[in-house]
Amino acid sequence: MDYISENYNFKGKTVAVTGSSRGLGKEIALAFARAGANLVLASRSIDKLEQIAEDIKSSGSKALPLEVDVRVKKSVEAFVEKACAEFGRIDILINNAGVIYRAPATELSEEQWDETIAINLKGTFLCSQAVGRSMVENRAGKIISIASDKAFVGFPGRVAYCASKGGIVMLTKALAVEWAPFNVQVNAVAPTYVETEMTRDILNDPEKYQEIIKAIPMNRVSKPDELFGAIMLLASDASSFITGHTLMVDGGLTAW
């Protein structure tokens, strides 16, 4: 095998994607399925997951839909146990589950703050912890968390989201250092706005779209396919010496 086919080969690999019932998580799961991986689909929306699993199976890959609440440790541990029972191990974990509340800091409720931190940051830790145990034991694994450009750039009306995504960047560094001796690489990807069903309402508003792209040197938002390259790199054997890194996929937004 040549370098590309050897290092970017996901056949036989098991990839778990949280928040994969819609939006970016769904697109990431389908991309790995096209690359030949087995998928563990995790979300609170089990009905949607089952349909996505059927689509993946029809393409020739295996898929296991599992209901999980990333805020709850027992739920996360049960999802990991079932995934390992089905496939033997999880080779790659994509921490994608997330939520965003748009409100001024003076009006954001305590409940909205708590839920954002619980899903985005605590959920990323709980999933990394549960999957990381087996990866440390197997002395192999890749964990990739979806951060955001807003982990690095403050944004009005997104205080909880910015804080949670900034926490993911530091969580990534801490886990990477701790698990480096066990050949477990922990990284993150930080996109700006990506065209998905979850961002459609905002991006279809011409005024809001123009306001968004003003901050992006490339003068547009990202398509899902443009994020896959970064994720696939960090998930592949080609990144065996990259850990603790957050890869920006933001069209130059943080380069100003």
Protein backbone atom coordinates (compact mmCIF):
# COMPACT_ATOMS: atom_id res chain seq x y z
CA MET A 1 0.00 0.00 0.00
CA ASP A 2 1.20 3.54 -0.68
CA TYR A 3 1.33 6.25 2.01
CA ILE A 4 -2.12 7.70 1.28
CA SER A 5 -4.03 4.41 1.11
CA GLU A 6 -2.20 3.08 4.17
CA ASN A 7 -2.63 6.12 6.42
CA TYR A 8 -6.06 7.31 5.33
CA ASN A 9 -7.70 3.90 5.43
CA PHE A 10 -10.75 3.67 7.72
CA LYS A 11 -11.97 0.23 6.65
CA GLY A 12 -12.45 -1.93 9.73
CA LYS A 13 -12.22 1.10 12.04
CA THR A 14 -15.05 1.89 14.43
CA VAL A 15 -16.00 5.56 14.69
CA ALA A 16 -18.39 6.87 17.35
CA VAL A 17 -20.05 10.23 16.67
CA THR A 18 -22.10 11.99 19.33
CA GLY A 19 -24.91 14.30 18.29
CA SER A 20 -25.15 12.45 14.99
CA SER A 21 -28.93 12.63 14.49
CA ARG A 22 -28.73 15.87 12.48
CA GLY A 23 -26.58 18.74 11.34
CA LEU A 24 -22.81 18.46 11.36
CA GLY A 25 -22.76 15.22 13.36
CA LYS A 26 -24.90 13.47 10.78
CA GLU A 27 -22.69 14.73 7.95
CA ILE A 28 -19.53 13.58 9.75
CA ALA A 29 -20.99 10.12 10.34
CA LEU A 30 -21.98 9.75 6.69
CA ALA A 31 -18.52 10.88 5.57
CA PHE A 32 -16.82 8.18 7.66
CA ALA A 33 -19.29 5.61 6.36
CA ARG A 34 -18.32 6.55 2.80
CA ALA A 35 -14.70 6.03 3.85
CA GLY A 36 -15.53 2.46 4.90
CA ALA A 37 -15.72 2.82 8.69
CA ASN A 38 -18.21 1.17 11.04
CA LEU A 39 -20.33 3.80 12.79
CA VAL A 40 -21.66 4.13 16.31
CA LEU A 41 -24.37 6.79 16.14
CA ALA A 42 -25.12 8.45 19.46
CA SER A 43 -27.86 10.95 20.24
CA ARG A 44 -30.99 11.50 22.29
CA SER A 45 -33.06 11.25 19.07
CA ILE A 46 -33.05 7.49 18.54
CA ASP A 47 -35.72 7.56 15.79
CA LYS A 48 -33.57 9.79 13.58
CA LEU A 49 -30.50 7.69 14.32
CA GLU A 50 -32.23 4.51 13.19
CA GLN A 51 -33.00 6.03 9.80
CA ILE A 52 -29.43 7.25 9.37
CA ALA A 53 -28.18 3.79 10.38
CA GLU A 54 -30.30 2.22 7.65
CA ASP A 55 -28.85 4.63 5.09
CA ILE A 56 -25.32 3.72 6.20
CA LYS A 57 -26.01 -0.01 6.08
CA SER A 58 -27.39 0.32 2.57
CA SER A 59 -24.05 1.81 1.51
CA GLY A 60 -22.20 -1.27 2.77
CA SER A 61 -20.93 -0.08 6.16
CA LYS A 62 -22.11 -1.21 9.58
CA ALA A 63 -23.95 1.15 11.92
CA LEU A 64 -25.18 0.93 15.49
CA PRO A 65 -27.67 3.59 16.65
CA LEU A 66 -27.62 4.20 20.40
CA GLU A 67 -29.64 6.56 22.54
CA VAL A 68 -27.40 8.51 24.90
CA ASP A 69 -27.55 11.63 27.03
CA VAL A 70 -24.00 12.96 27.15
CA ARG A 71 -24.81 14.90 30.34
CA VAL A 72 -25.33 11.67 32.30
CA LYS A 73 -22.35 9.47 33.18
CA LYS A 74 -24.31 6.22 33.38
CA SER A 75 -25.88 6.87 29.97
CA VAL A 76 -22.47 7.55 28.43
CA GLU A 77 -20.90 4.46 30.00
CA ALA A 78 -23.79 2.30 28.77
CA PHE A 79 -23.35 3.63 25.22
CA VAL A 80 -19.63 2.85 25.27
CA GLU A 81 -20.22 -0.62 26.70
CA LYS A 82 -22.78 -1.45 23.99
CA ALA A 83 -20.54 -0.09 21.24
CA CYS A 84 -17.56 -2.16 22.43
CA ALA A 85 -19.75 -5.25 22.76
CA GLU A 86 -20.86 -4.82 19.14
CA PHE A 87 -17.57 -3.87 17.49
CA GLY A 88 -14.90 -4.87 20.02
CA ARG A 89 -13.54 -1.36 20.45
CA ILE A 90 -13.99 2.28 19.50
CA ASP A 91 -11.03 3.44 17.44
CA ILE A 92 -12.11 7.03 16.89
CA LEU A 93 -14.41 9.22 18.96
CA ILE A 94 -15.91 12.40 17.52
CA ASN A 95 -17.31 14.62 20.29
CA ASN A 96 -19.86 16.62 18.35
CA ALA A 97 -22.94 16.89 20.60
CA GLY A 98 -23.62 20.52 21.38
CA VAL A 99 -26.16 23.24 21.99
CA ILE A 100 -26.18 27.01 21.62
CA TYR A 101 -28.37 29.68 23.19
CA ARG A 102 -28.37 33.12 21.63
CA ALA A 103 -29.05 35.74 24.29
CA PRO A 104 -27.34 38.79 25.78
CA ALA A 105 -25.22 37.93 28.83
CA THR A 106 -27.51 40.10 30.97
CA GLU A 107 -30.50 37.96 29.97
CA LEU A 108 -29.07 34.45 29.68
CA SER A 109 -30.81 32.25 32.24
CA GLU A 110 -29.01 30.06 34.74
CA GLU A 111 -30.72 27.04 33.18
CA GLN A 112 -29.42 27.97 29.72
CA TRP A 113 -25.89 28.43 31.06
CA ASP A 114 -26.00 25.10 32.90
CA GLU A 115 -27.34 23.16 29.92
CA THR A 116 -24.74 24.63 27.56
CA ILE A 117 -21.86 23.72 29.86
CA ALA A 118 -23.38 20.31 30.64
CA ILE A 119 -23.80 19.25 27.01
CA ASN A 120 -20.88 21.00 25.32
CA LEU A 121 -18.15 20.70 27.96
CA LYS A 122 -19.18 18.12 30.55
CA GLY A 123 -20.54 15.85 27.80
CA THR A 124 -17.27 16.07 25.89
CA PHE A 125 -15.38 15.11 29.04
CA LEU A 126 -17.68 12.22 30.00
CA CYS A 127 -17.53 10.70 26.52
CA SER A 128 -13.76 11.19 26.31
CA GLN A 129 -13.33 9.66 29.76
CA ALA A 130 -15.46 6.58 29.05
CA VAL A 131 -13.97 5.91 25.62
CA GLY A 132 -10.51 6.96 26.75
CA ARG A 133 -10.37 4.19 29.36
CA SER A 134 -10.51 1.50 26.69
CA MET A 135 -8.17 3.43 24.39
CA VAL A 136 -5.59 3.73 27.16
CA GLU A 137 -5.93 0.02 27.83
CA ASN A 138 -5.56 -0.79 24.12
CA ARG A 139 -2.76 1.78 23.77
CA ALA A 140 -4.35 3.22 20.65
CA GLY A 141 -7.08 5.69 19.82
CA LYS A 142 -8.11 9.04 18.39
CA ILE A 143 -10.39 11.55 20.06
CA ILE A 144 -11.52 14.60 18.10
CA SER A 145 -13.78 17.22 19.64
CA ILE A 146 -15.69 19.87 17.73
CA ALA A 147 -14.73 23.22 19.22
CA SER A 148 -15.43 26.54 17.47
CA ASP A 149 -13.83 29.75 16.28
CA LYS A 150 -15.74 31.21 19.23
CA ALA A 151 -13.36 29.41 21.56
CA PHE A 152 -10.83 32.04 20.46
CA VAL A 153 -12.91 35.08 19.52
CA GLY A 154 -15.54 36.61 21.78
CA PHE A 155 -18.97 36.99 20.22
CA PRO A 156 -21.93 39.00 21.57
CA GLY A 157 -24.91 36.96 22.65
CA ARG A 158 -22.93 33.70 22.84
CA VAL A 159 -21.32 33.90 26.29
CA ALA A 160 -22.09 30.34 27.42
CA TYR A 161 -21.22 28.87 24.04
CA CYS A 162 -17.89 30.71 23.90
CA ALA A 163 -17.04 29.58 27.43
CA SER A 164 -17.94 25.95 26.73
CA LYS A 165 -15.97 25.78 23.49
CA GLY A 166 -12.97 27.49 25.09
CA GLY A 167 -13.16 24.81 27.77
CA ILE A 168 -13.03 22.11 25.08
CA VAL A 169 -9.76 23.55 23.76
CA MET A 170 -8.11 23.30 27.20
CA LEU A 171 -9.71 19.91 27.91
CA THR A 172 -8.16 18.71 24.65
CA LYS A 173 -4.70 19.84 25.76
CA ALA A 174 -5.00 18.29 29.22
CA LEU A 175 -6.21 14.90 27.95
CA ALA A 176 -3.59 14.91 25.19
CA VAL A 177 -0.76 15.34 27.68
CA GLU A 178 -2.14 12.73 30.08
CA TRP A 179 -2.79 10.07 27.43
CA ALA A 180 0.18 10.68 25.14
CA PRO A 181 2.22 7.88 26.77
CA PHE A 182 -0.56 5.45 25.80
CA ASN A 183 -0.57 6.37 22.09
CA VAL A 184 -3.94 8.11 22.34
CA GLN A 185 -4.10 11.33 20.34
CA VAL A 186 -6.59 13.96 21.48
CA ASN A 187 -7.27 16.91 19.19
CA ALA A 188 -10.02 19.35 18.25
CA VAL A 189 -11.33 21.08 15.16
CA ALA A 190 -12.60 24.66 15.38
CA PRO A 191 -14.91 25.62 12.52
CA THR A 192 -16.70 28.85 11.89
CA TYR A 193 -20.24 28.72 10.47
CA VAL A 194 -20.84 25.56 8.43
CA GLU A 195 -23.73 25.10 6.00
CA THR A 196 -25.95 22.49 7.68
CA GLU A 197 -29.64 22.15 8.44
CA MET A 198 -29.00 23.67 11.87
CA THR A 199 -27.54 26.91 10.46
CA ARG A 200 -29.86 27.20 7.46
CA ASP A 201 -32.22 29.77 9.00
CA ILE A 202 -29.39 32.15 9.89
CA LEU A 203 -27.44 31.72 6.67
CA ASN A 204 -30.54 32.12 4.50
CA ASP A 205 -31.10 35.57 5.96
CA PRO A 206 -29.16 37.88 3.57
CA GLU A 207 -28.55 40.54 6.19
CA LYS A 208 -27.28 38.08 8.81
CA TYR A 209 -25.18 36.25 6.21
CA GLN A 210 -23.43 39.45 5.17
CA GLU A 211 -22.77 40.30 8.81
CA ILE A 212 -21.24 36.86 9.39
CA ILE A 213 -18.94 36.82 6.36
CA LYS A 214 -17.60 40.31 7.12
CA ALA A 215 -15.42 38.67 9.78
CA ILE A 216 -14.19 35.89 7.46
CA PRO A 217 -11.32 36.84 5.11
CA MET A 218 -12.47 34.25 2.55
CA ASN A 219 -15.80 36.09 2.47
CA ARG A 220 -18.01 33.02 2.83
CA VAL A 221 -18.93 30.26 5.28
CA SER A 222 -17.77 26.65 5.15
CA LYS A 223 -19.37 23.72 3.39
CA PRO A 224 -19.47 20.43 5.38
CA ASP A 225 -17.01 18.78 2.98
CA GLU A 226 -14.41 21.43 3.86
CA LEU A 227 -14.48 20.31 7.48
CA PHE A 228 -14.09 16.62 6.68
CA GLY A 229 -10.49 17.00 5.51
CA ALA A 230 -9.42 18.35 8.90
CA ILE A 231 -11.35 15.69 10.80
CA MET A 232 -10.12 12.85 8.57
CA LEU A 233 -6.52 14.02 9.00
CA LEU A 234 -6.77 13.98 12.79
CA ALA A 235 -8.62 10.65 12.73
CA SER A 236 -6.09 9.00 10.43
CA ASP A 237 -2.74 7.36 11.06
CA ALA A 238 -1.16 10.30 9.23
CA SER A 239 -1.58 12.38 12.41
CA SER A 240 0.17 9.91 14.73
CA PHE A 241 2.46 12.66 16.10
CA ILE A 242 -0.21 15.39 16.41
CA THR A 243 -1.89 15.71 19.79
CA GLY A 244 -3.25 18.53 21.94
CA HIS A 245 -3.86 20.62 18.84
CA THR A 246 -6.94 22.59 17.78
CA LEU A 247 -7.10 22.89 14.00
CA MET A 248 -8.84 26.05 12.81
CA VAL A 249 -11.21 25.65 9.85
CA ASP A 250 -12.46 29.21 9.77
CA GLY A 251 -11.57 30.78 6.44
CA GLY A 252 -8.98 32.93 8.17
CA LEU A 253 -11.31 34.45 10.79
CA THR A 254 -8.82 34.07 13.64
CA ALA A 255 -5.92 35.20 11.45
CA TRP A 256 -7.00 38.87 11.46
